[in-house]
All heavy atoms as atom14 arrays in JSON, in Angstrom:
{
  "sequence": "TSPQSAILSAIIFNALIIPLLVPLALKGVAYRPMGAGPLLARNL",
  "atom14_mask": [
    [1, 1, 1, 1, 1, 1, 1, 0, 0, 0, 0, 0, 0, 0],
    [1, 1, 1, 1, 1, 1, 0, 0, 0, 0, 0, 0, 0, 0],
    [1, 1, 1, 1, 1, 1, 1, 0, 0, 0, 0, 0, 0, 0],
    [1, 1, 1, 1, 1, 1, 1, 1, 1, 0, 0, 0, 0, 0],
    [1, 1, 1, 1, 1, 1, 0, 0, 0, 0, 0, 0, 0, 0],
    [1, 1, 1, 1, 1, 0, 0, 0, 0, 0, 0, 0, 0, 0],
    [1, 1, 1, 1, 1, 1, 1, 1, 0, 0, 0, 0, 0, 0],
    [1, 1, 1, 1, 1, 1, 1, 1, 0, 0, 0, 0, 0, 0],
    [1, 1, 1, 1, 1, 1, 0, 0, 0, 0, 0, 0, 0, 0],
    [1, 1, 1, 1, 1, 0, 0, 0, 0, 0, 0, 0, 0, 0],
    [1, 1, 1, 1, 1, 1, 1, 1, 0, 0, 0, 0, 0, 0],
    [1, 1, 1, 1, 1, 1, 1, 1, 0, 0, 0, 0, 0, 0],
    [1, 1, 1, 1, 1, 1, 1, 1, 1, 1, 1, 0, 0, 0],
    [1, 1, 1, 1, 1, 1, 1, 1, 0, 0, 0, 0, 0, 0],
    [1, 1, 1, 1, 1, 0, 0, 0, 0, 0, 0, 0, 0, 0],
    [1, 1, 1, 1, 1, 1, 1, 1, 0, 0, 0, 0, 0, 0],
    [1, 1, 1, 1, 1, 1, 1, 1, 0, 0, 0, 0, 0, 0],
    [1, 1, 1, 1, 1, 1, 1, 1, 0, 0, 0, 0, 0, 0],
    [1, 1, 1, 1, 1, 1, 1, 0, 0, 0, 0, 0, 0, 0],
    [1, 1, 1, 1, 1, 1, 1, 1, 0, 0, 0, 0, 0, 0],
    [1, 1, 1, 1, 1, 1, 1, 1, 0, 0, 0, 0, 0, 0],
    [1, 1, 1, 1, 1, 1, 1, 0, 0, 0, 0, 0, 0, 0],
    [1, 1, 1, 1, 1, 1, 1, 0, 0, 0, 0, 0, 0, 0],
    [1, 1, 1, 1, 1, 1, 1, 1, 0, 0, 0, 0, 0, 0],
    [1, 1, 1, 1, 1, 0, 0, 0, 0, 0, 0, 0, 0, 0],
    [1, 1, 1, 1, 1, 1, 1, 1, 0, 0, 0, 0, 0, 0],
    [1, 1, 1, 1, 1, 1, 1, 1, 1, 0, 0, 0, 0, 0],
    [1, 1, 1, 1, 0, 0, 0, 0, 0, 0, 0, 0, 0, 0],
    [1, 1, 1, 1, 1, 1, 1, 0, 0, 0, 0, 0, 0, 0],
    [1, 1, 1, 1, 1, 0, 0, 0, 0, 0, 0, 0, 0, 0],
    [1, 1, 1, 1, 1, 1, 1, 1, 1, 1, 1, 1, 0, 0],
    [1, 1, 1, 1, 1, 1, 1, 1, 1, 1, 1, 0, 0, 0],
    [1, 1, 1, 1, 1, 1, 1, 0, 0, 0, 0, 0, 0, 0],
    [1, 1, 1, 1, 1, 1, 1, 1, 0, 0, 0, 0, 0, 0],
    [1, 1, 1, 1, 0, 0, 0, 0, 0, 0, 0, 0, 0, 0],
    [1, 1, 1, 1, 1, 0, 0, 0, 0, 0, 0, 0, 0, 0],
    [1, 1, 1, 1, 0, 0, 0, 0, 0, 0, 0, 0, 0, 0],
    [1, 1, 1, 1, 1, 1, 1, 0, 0, 0, 0, 0, 0, 0],
    [1, 1, 1, 1, 1, 1, 1, 1, 0, 0, 0, 0, 0, 0],
    [1, 1, 1, 1, 1, 1, 1, 1, 0, 0, 0, 0, 0, 0],
    [1, 1, 1, 1, 1, 0, 0, 0, 0, 0, 0, 0, 0, 0],
    [1, 1, 1, 1, 1, 1, 1, 1, 1, 1, 1, 0, 0, 0],
    [1, 1, 1, 1, 1, 1, 1, 1, 0, 0, 0, 0, 0, 0],
    [1, 1, 1, 1, 1, 1, 1, 1, 0, 0, 0, 0, 0, 0]
  ],
  "atom14_positions": [
    [[0.8, -1.22, 0.0], [0.0, 0.0, 0.0], [0.84, 1.26, 0.0], [0.59, 2.19, -0.77], [-0.94, 0.01, 1.22], [-1.71, -1.2, 1.22], [-1.88, 1.2, 1.18], [0.0, 0.0, 0.0], [0.0, 0.0, 0.0], [0.0, 0.0, 0.0], [0.0, 0.0, 0.0], [0.0, 0.0, 0.0], [0.0, 0.0, 0.0], [0.0, 0.0, 0.0]],
    [[1.83, 1.34, 0.89], [2.64, 2.54, 1.03], [3.95, 2.18, 1.72], [4.08, 1.09, 2.29], [1.9, 3.6, 1.87], [1.77, 3.15, 3.22], [0.0, 0.0, 0.0], [0.0, 0.0, 0.0], [0.0, 0.0, 0.0], [0.0, 0.0, 0.0], [0.0, 0.0, 0.0], [0.0, 0.0, 0.0], [0.0, 0.0, 0.0], [0.0, 0.0, 0.0]],
    [[4.94, 3.1, 1.69], [6.2, 2.82, 2.4], [5.97, 2.55, 3.89], [6.6, 1.66, 4.46], [7.01, 4.09, 2.18], [6.51, 4.63, 0.88], [5.04, 4.32, 0.86], [0.0, 0.0, 0.0], [0.0, 0.0, 0.0], [0.0, 0.0, 0.0], [0.0, 0.0, 0.0], [0.0, 0.0, 0.0], [0.0, 0.0, 0.0], [0.0, 0.0, 0.0]],
    [[5.09, 3.34, 4.52], [4.85, 3.14, 5.94], [4.15, 1.8, 6.2], [4.47, 1.09, 7.15], [4.0, 4.29, 6.5], [4.74, 5.6, 6.59], [3.93, 6.67, 7.32], [2.81, 6.41, 7.78], [4.49, 7.87, 7.41], [0.0, 0.0, 0.0], [0.0, 0.0, 0.0], [0.0, 0.0, 0.0], [0.0, 0.0, 0.0], [0.0, 0.0, 0.0]],
    [[3.21, 1.45, 5.31], [2.52, 0.16, 5.45], [3.51, -0.99, 5.26], [3.43, -2.02, 5.95], [1.39, 0.06, 4.43], [0.8, -1.22, 4.47], [0.0, 0.0, 0.0], [0.0, 0.0, 0.0], [0.0, 0.0, 0.0], [0.0, 0.0, 0.0], [0.0, 0.0, 0.0], [0.0, 0.0, 0.0], [0.0, 0.0, 0.0], [0.0, 0.0, 0.0]],
    [[4.46, -0.82, 4.34], [5.44, -1.87, 4.07], [6.3, -2.15, 5.3], [6.47, -3.31, 5.69], [6.32, -1.48, 2.89], [0.0, 0.0, 0.0], [0.0, 0.0, 0.0], [0.0, 0.0, 0.0], [0.0, 0.0, 0.0], [0.0, 0.0, 0.0], [0.0, 0.0, 0.0], [0.0, 0.0, 0.0], [0.0, 0.0, 0.0], [0.0, 0.0, 0.0]],
    [[6.84, -1.08, 5.93], [7.71, -1.31, 7.08], [6.93, -1.81, 8.28], [7.4, -2.68, 9.02], [8.51, -0.02, 7.42], [9.61, -0.34, 8.42], [7.59, 1.07, 7.95], [10.66, -1.29, 7.93], [0.0, 0.0, 0.0], [0.0, 0.0, 0.0], [0.0, 0.0, 0.0], [0.0, 0.0, 0.0], [0.0, 0.0, 0.0], [0.0, 0.0, 0.0]],
    [[5.71, -1.31, 8.49], [4.92, -1.78, 9.62], [4.51, -3.24, 9.43], [4.58, -4.04, 10.37], [3.66, -0.9, 9.79], [2.73, -1.28, 10.95], [3.47, -1.23, 12.29], [1.49, -0.37, 10.98], [0.0, 0.0, 0.0], [0.0, 0.0, 0.0], [0.0, 0.0, 0.0], [0.0, 0.0, 0.0], [0.0, 0.0, 0.0], [0.0, 0.0, 0.0]],
    [[4.13, -3.61, 8.22], [3.76, -5.01, 7.94], [4.94, -5.94, 8.16], [4.79, -7.04, 8.7], [3.24, -5.13, 6.5], [2.09, -4.33, 6.3], [0.0, 0.0, 0.0], [0.0, 0.0, 0.0], [0.0, 0.0, 0.0], [0.0, 0.0, 0.0], [0.0, 0.0, 0.0], [0.0, 0.0, 0.0], [0.0, 0.0, 0.0], [0.0, 0.0, 0.0]],
    [[6.13, -5.47, 7.73], [7.32, -6.3, 7.9], [7.67, -6.47, 9.37], [8.05, -7.56, 9.82], [8.49, -5.68, 7.15], [0.0, 0.0, 0.0], [0.0, 0.0, 0.0], [0.0, 0.0, 0.0], [0.0, 0.0, 0.0], [0.0, 0.0, 0.0], [0.0, 0.0, 0.0], [0.0, 0.0, 0.0], [0.0, 0.0, 0.0], [0.0, 0.0, 0.0]],
    [[7.54, -5.4, 10.17], [7.82, -5.47, 11.6], [6.84, -6.41, 12.3], [7.22, -7.22, 13.17], [7.77, -4.07, 12.23], [9.03, -3.29, 11.87], [7.61, -4.14, 13.74], [10.29, -3.82, 12.52], [0.0, 0.0, 0.0], [0.0, 0.0, 0.0], [0.0, 0.0, 0.0], [0.0, 0.0, 0.0], [0.0, 0.0, 0.0], [0.0, 0.0, 0.0]],
    [[5.57, -6.33, 11.93], [4.56, -7.21, 12.53], [4.85, -8.67, 12.18], [4.82, -9.55, 13.04], [3.14, -6.81, 12.06], [2.78, -5.43, 12.61], [2.11, -7.85, 12.52], [1.46, -4.87, 12.08], [0.0, 0.0, 0.0], [0.0, 0.0, 0.0], [0.0, 0.0, 0.0], [0.0, 0.0, 0.0], [0.0, 0.0, 0.0], [0.0, 0.0, 0.0]],
    [[5.16, -8.91, 10.88], [5.49, -10.29, 10.47], [6.73, -10.78, 11.2], [6.79, -11.92, 11.65], [5.73, -10.32, 8.96], [6.19, -11.66, 8.45], [5.28, -12.66, 8.16], [7.55, -11.93, 8.27], [5.7, -13.91, 7.71], [7.98, -13.17, 7.82], [7.05, -14.15, 7.54], [0.0, 0.0, 0.0], [0.0, 0.0, 0.0], [0.0, 0.0, 0.0]],
    [[7.73, -9.91, 11.33], [8.98, -10.26, 11.99], [8.75, -10.68, 13.44], [9.41, -11.58, 13.95], [9.91, -9.04, 11.95], [11.36, -9.42, 12.17], [11.9, -10.27, 11.48], [12.0, -8.78, 13.14], [0.0, 0.0, 0.0], [0.0, 0.0, 0.0], [0.0, 0.0, 0.0], [0.0, 0.0, 0.0], [0.0, 0.0, 0.0], [0.0, 0.0, 0.0]],
    [[7.79, -10.03, 14.1], [7.49, -10.37, 15.49], [6.66, -11.66, 15.58], [6.94, -12.53, 16.41], [6.74, -9.22, 16.16], [0.0, 0.0, 0.0], [0.0, 0.0, 0.0], [0.0, 0.0, 0.0], [0.0, 0.0, 0.0], [0.0, 0.0, 0.0], [0.0, 0.0, 0.0], [0.0, 0.0, 0.0], [0.0, 0.0, 0.0], [0.0, 0.0, 0.0]],
    [[5.65, -11.79, 14.73], [4.72, -12.92, 14.84], [5.35, -14.25, 14.45], [4.93, -15.3, 14.94], [3.48, -12.66, 13.98], [2.56, -11.53, 14.43], [1.37, -11.39, 13.47], [2.04, -11.8, 15.85], [0.0, 0.0, 0.0], [0.0, 0.0, 0.0], [0.0, 0.0, 0.0], [0.0, 0.0, 0.0], [0.0, 0.0, 0.0], [0.0, 0.0, 0.0]],
    [[6.35, -14.23, 13.56], [6.94, -15.49, 13.1], [7.65, -16.22, 14.24], [7.76, -17.45, 14.24], [7.91, -15.24, 11.92], [8.17, -16.55, 11.16], [9.21, -14.63, 12.39], [6.98, -17.1, 10.44], [0.0, 0.0, 0.0], [0.0, 0.0, 0.0], [0.0, 0.0, 0.0], [0.0, 0.0, 0.0], [0.0, 0.0, 0.0], [0.0, 0.0, 0.0]],
    [[8.12, -15.46, 15.26], [8.85, -16.08, 16.37], [7.94, -17.0, 17.18], [8.25, -18.19, 17.35], [9.51, -15.01, 17.26], [10.6, -14.28, 16.46], [10.12, -15.64, 18.51], [11.18, -13.08, 17.17], [0.0, 0.0, 0.0], [0.0, 0.0, 0.0], [0.0, 0.0, 0.0], [0.0, 0.0, 0.0], [0.0, 0.0, 0.0], [0.0, 0.0, 0.0]],
    [[6.79, -16.51, 17.73], [5.94, -17.43, 18.5], [5.36, -18.56, 17.65], [5.09, -19.64, 18.16], [4.83, -16.53, 19.06], [4.84, -15.31, 18.21], [6.26, -15.12, 17.78], [0.0, 0.0, 0.0], [0.0, 0.0, 0.0], [0.0, 0.0, 0.0], [0.0, 0.0, 0.0], [0.0, 0.0, 0.0], [0.0, 0.0, 0.0], [0.0, 0.0, 0.0]],
    [[5.2, -18.31, 16.34], [4.68, -19.37, 15.48], [5.68, -20.53, 15.34], [5.28, -21.67, 15.12], [4.35, -18.81, 14.09], [3.14, -17.86, 14.02], [2.98, -17.31, 12.61], [1.87, -18.57, 14.47], [0.0, 0.0, 0.0], [0.0, 0.0, 0.0], [0.0, 0.0, 0.0], [0.0, 0.0, 0.0], [0.0, 0.0, 0.0], [0.0, 0.0, 0.0]],
    [[6.98, -20.21, 15.48], [8.0, -21.25, 15.35], [8.42, -21.84, 16.7], [9.19, -22.8, 16.73], [9.24, -20.67, 14.66], [9.08, -20.33, 13.17], [10.33, -19.66, 12.64], [8.76, -21.58, 12.35], [0.0, 0.0, 0.0], [0.0, 0.0, 0.0], [0.0, 0.0, 0.0], [0.0, 0.0, 0.0], [0.0, 0.0, 0.0], [0.0, 0.0, 0.0]],
    [[7.95, -21.27, 17.82], [8.31, -21.79, 19.14], [7.98, -23.27, 19.29], [8.81, -24.06, 19.78], [7.67, -20.95, 20.26], [7.75, -21.67, 21.6], [8.38, -19.6, 20.38], [0.0, 0.0, 0.0], [0.0, 0.0, 0.0], [0.0, 0.0, 0.0], [0.0, 0.0, 0.0], [0.0, 0.0, 0.0], [0.0, 0.0, 0.0], [0.0, 0.0, 0.0]],
    [[6.75, -23.73, 18.92], [6.46, -25.17, 19.07], [7.45, -26.05, 18.32], [7.86, -27.1, 18.83], [5.05, -25.3, 18.49], [4.45, -23.94, 18.64], [5.58, -22.98, 18.41], [0.0, 0.0, 0.0], [0.0, 0.0, 0.0], [0.0, 0.0, 0.0], [0.0, 0.0, 0.0], [0.0, 0.0, 0.0], [0.0, 0.0, 0.0], [0.0, 0.0, 0.0]],
    [[7.87, -25.63, 17.13], [8.82, -26.43, 16.35], [10.19, -26.43, 17.04], [10.87, -27.47, 17.09], [8.94, -25.87, 14.94], [9.85, -26.65, 13.98], [9.33, -28.07, 13.8], [9.93, -25.94, 12.63], [0.0, 0.0, 0.0], [0.0, 0.0, 0.0], [0.0, 0.0, 0.0], [0.0, 0.0, 0.0], [0.0, 0.0, 0.0], [0.0, 0.0, 0.0]],
    [[10.59, -25.28, 17.59], [11.87, -25.2, 18.28], [11.9, -26.1, 19.51], [12.92, -26.73, 19.8], [12.16, -23.76, 18.68], [0.0, 0.0, 0.0], [0.0, 0.0, 0.0], [0.0, 0.0, 0.0], [0.0, 0.0, 0.0], [0.0, 0.0, 0.0], [0.0, 0.0, 0.0], [0.0, 0.0, 0.0], [0.0, 0.0, 0.0], [0.0, 0.0, 0.0]],
    [[10.79, -26.18, 20.24], [10.75, -26.97, 21.47], [10.53, -28.45, 21.19], [11.1, -29.31, 21.86], [9.66, -26.45, 22.4], [9.81, -25.01, 22.91], [8.75, -24.7, 23.94], [11.2, -24.76, 23.48], [0.0, 0.0, 0.0], [0.0, 0.0, 0.0], [0.0, 0.0, 0.0], [0.0, 0.0, 0.0], [0.0, 0.0, 0.0], [0.0, 0.0, 0.0]],
    [[9.7, -28.74, 20.21], [9.4, -30.15, 19.9], [10.5, -30.78, 19.07], [10.81, -31.97, 19.21], [8.07, -30.24, 19.15], [7.61, -31.67, 18.89], [6.28, -31.68, 18.16], [5.82, -33.1, 17.88], [4.53, -33.14, 17.14], [0.0, 0.0, 0.0], [0.0, 0.0, 0.0], [0.0, 0.0, 0.0], [0.0, 0.0, 0.0], [0.0, 0.0, 0.0]],
    [[11.12, -29.97, 18.21], [12.16, -30.48, 17.33], [11.62, -30.9, 15.98], [10.46, -31.32, 15.85], [0.0, 0.0, 0.0], [0.0, 0.0, 0.0], [0.0, 0.0, 0.0], [0.0, 0.0, 0.0], [0.0, 0.0, 0.0], [0.0, 0.0, 0.0], [0.0, 0.0, 0.0], [0.0, 0.0, 0.0], [0.0, 0.0, 0.0], [0.0, 0.0, 0.0]],
    [[12.46, -30.78, 14.97], [12.09, -31.22, 13.63], [11.98, -32.73, 13.6], [12.82, -33.44, 14.18], [13.14, -30.72, 12.61], [12.89, -31.31, 11.23], [13.14, -29.2, 12.56], [0.0, 0.0, 0.0], [0.0, 0.0, 0.0], [0.0, 0.0, 0.0], [0.0, 0.0, 0.0], [0.0, 0.0, 0.0], [0.0, 0.0, 0.0], [0.0, 0.0, 0.0]],
    [[10.96, -33.24, 12.95], [10.8, -34.7, 12.84], [12.04, -35.3, 12.2], [12.54, -34.81, 11.18], [9.57, -35.02, 12.01], [0.0, 0.0, 0.0], [0.0, 0.0, 0.0], [0.0, 0.0, 0.0], [0.0, 0.0, 0.0], [0.0, 0.0, 0.0], [0.0, 0.0, 0.0], [0.0, 0.0, 0.0], [0.0, 0.0, 0.0], [0.0, 0.0, 0.0]],
    [[12.55, -36.36, 12.83], [13.8, -36.94, 12.37], [13.57, -38.27, 11.66], [12.85, -39.13, 12.15], [14.75, -37.16, 13.55], [15.98, -37.94, 13.16], [16.94, -37.38, 12.34], [16.16, -39.26, 13.59], [18.06, -38.1, 11.96], [17.27, -39.98, 13.2], [18.22, -39.39, 12.39], [19.31, -40.11, 12.0], [0.0, 0.0, 0.0], [0.0, 0.0, 0.0]],
    [[14.2, -38.4, 10.5], [14.22, -39.68, 9.78], [15.66, -39.97, 9.38], [16.36, -39.07, 8.91], [13.34, -39.62, 8.52], [11.87, -39.48, 8.79], [11.05, -39.81, 7.53], [11.4, -38.93, 6.43], [10.82, -37.75, 6.2], [9.89, -37.31, 7.02], [11.19, -37.01, 5.17], [0.0, 0.0, 0.0], [0.0, 0.0, 0.0], [0.0, 0.0, 0.0]],
    [[16.1, -41.23, 9.57], [17.49, -41.56, 9.22], [17.75, -41.32, 7.74], [17.02, -41.8, 6.88], [17.59, -43.05, 9.55], [16.5, -43.3, 10.53], [15.38, -42.37, 10.16], [0.0, 0.0, 0.0], [0.0, 0.0, 0.0], [0.0, 0.0, 0.0], [0.0, 0.0, 0.0], [0.0, 0.0, 0.0], [0.0, 0.0, 0.0], [0.0, 0.0, 0.0]],
    [[18.78, -40.52, 7.44], [19.18, -40.28, 6.06], [20.59, -39.7, 6.06], [21.07, -39.22, 7.09], [18.2, -39.33, 5.35], [18.1, -37.94, 5.97], [16.96, -36.85, 5.05], [15.41, -37.64, 5.37], [0.0, 0.0, 0.0], [0.0, 0.0, 0.0], [0.0, 0.0, 0.0], [0.0, 0.0, 0.0], [0.0, 0.0, 0.0], [0.0, 0.0, 0.0]],
    [[21.23, -39.75, 4.92], [22.58, -39.24, 4.8], [22.62, -37.72, 4.78], [21.58, -37.05, 4.69], [0.0, 0.0, 0.0], [0.0, 0.0, 0.0], [0.0, 0.0, 0.0], [0.0, 0.0, 0.0], [0.0, 0.0, 0.0], [0.0, 0.0, 0.0], [0.0, 0.0, 0.0], [0.0, 0.0, 0.0], [0.0, 0.0, 0.0], [0.0, 0.0, 0.0]],
    [[23.83, -37.16, 4.82], [23.99, -35.71, 4.88], [23.47, -35.03, 3.62], [22.85, -33.96, 3.69], [25.47, -35.38, 5.1], [0.0, 0.0, 0.0], [0.0, 0.0, 0.0], [0.0, 0.0, 0.0], [0.0, 0.0, 0.0], [0.0, 0.0, 0.0], [0.0, 0.0, 0.0], [0.0, 0.0, 0.0], [0.0, 0.0, 0.0], [0.0, 0.0, 0.0]],
    [[23.71, -35.64, 2.45], [23.26, -35.05, 1.18], [21.75, -34.92, 1.1], [21.22, -33.82, 0.89], [0.0, 0.0, 0.0], [0.0, 0.0, 0.0], [0.0, 0.0, 0.0], [0.0, 0.0, 0.0], [0.0, 0.0, 0.0], [0.0, 0.0, 0.0], [0.0, 0.0, 0.0], [0.0, 0.0, 0.0], [0.0, 0.0, 0.0], [0.0, 0.0, 0.0]],
    [[21.01, -36.03, 1.25], [19.55, -35.94, 1.23], [19.0, -35.02, 2.32], [17.99, -34.33, 2.11], [19.11, -37.39, 1.46], [20.26, -38.22, 1.0], [21.48, -37.42, 1.33], [0.0, 0.0, 0.0], [0.0, 0.0, 0.0], [0.0, 0.0, 0.0], [0.0, 0.0, 0.0], [0.0, 0.0, 0.0], [0.0, 0.0, 0.0], [0.0, 0.0, 0.0]],
    [[19.67, -35.0, 3.48], [19.21, -34.14, 4.58], [19.33, -32.67, 4.2], [18.41, -31.87, 4.44], [20.03, -34.43, 5.84], [19.65, -33.63, 7.09], [18.21, -33.9, 7.48], [20.58, -34.0, 8.24], [0.0, 0.0, 0.0], [0.0, 0.0, 0.0], [0.0, 0.0, 0.0], [0.0, 0.0, 0.0], [0.0, 0.0, 0.0], [0.0, 0.0, 0.0]],
    [[20.45, -32.29, 3.58], [20.63, -30.91, 3.14], [19.59, -30.55, 2.08], [19.0, -29.45, 2.13], [22.04, -30.73, 2.58], [22.37, -29.34, 2.02], [22.24, -28.28, 3.09], [23.77, -29.33, 1.4], [0.0, 0.0, 0.0], [0.0, 0.0, 0.0], [0.0, 0.0, 0.0], [0.0, 0.0, 0.0], [0.0, 0.0, 0.0], [0.0, 0.0, 0.0]],
    [[19.36, -31.45, 1.14], [18.37, -31.19, 0.09], [16.99, -31.0, 0.69], [16.22, -30.12, 0.27], [18.37, -32.34, -0.91], [0.0, 0.0, 0.0], [0.0, 0.0, 0.0], [0.0, 0.0, 0.0], [0.0, 0.0, 0.0], [0.0, 0.0, 0.0], [0.0, 0.0, 0.0], [0.0, 0.0, 0.0], [0.0, 0.0, 0.0], [0.0, 0.0, 0.0]],
    [[16.66, -31.82, 1.7], [15.35, -31.71, 2.35], [15.21, -30.37, 3.08], [14.18, -29.7, 2.98], [15.17, -32.86, 3.34], [13.89, -32.8, 4.14], [13.96, -33.73, 5.33], [12.79, -33.62, 6.17], [12.74, -33.99, 7.43], [13.81, -34.5, 7.99], [11.66, -33.86, 8.14], [0.0, 0.0, 0.0], [0.0, 0.0, 0.0], [0.0, 0.0, 0.0]],
    [[16.26, -29.97, 3.79], [16.23, -28.7, 4.51], [16.02, -27.53, 3.56], [15.23, -26.62, 3.82], [17.52, -28.49, 5.3], [17.4, -28.94, 6.74], [16.34, -29.42, 7.16], [18.47, -28.83, 7.5], [0.0, 0.0, 0.0], [0.0, 0.0, 0.0], [0.0, 0.0, 0.0], [0.0, 0.0, 0.0], [0.0, 0.0, 0.0], [0.0, 0.0, 0.0]],
    [[16.78, -27.56, 2.45], [16.66, -26.46, 1.49], [15.28, -26.44, 0.85], [14.69, -25.37, 0.64], [17.74, -26.6, 0.41], [19.18, -26.35, 0.89], [20.16, -26.62, -0.24], [19.35, -24.93, 1.4], [0.0, 0.0, 0.0], [0.0, 0.0, 0.0], [0.0, 0.0, 0.0], [0.0, 0.0, 0.0], [0.0, 0.0, 0.0], [0.0, 0.0, 0.0]]
  ]
}
């Protein structure tokens, strides 16, 4: 919409993404046995 809307929207998103990722940080990413190559490809 505007420069001010852009920075405010980005700041709000920047703040909200943290609590949204807290459950994943505490629970941990689901683990499946695989080599380093496939693991890197999956992460990316």
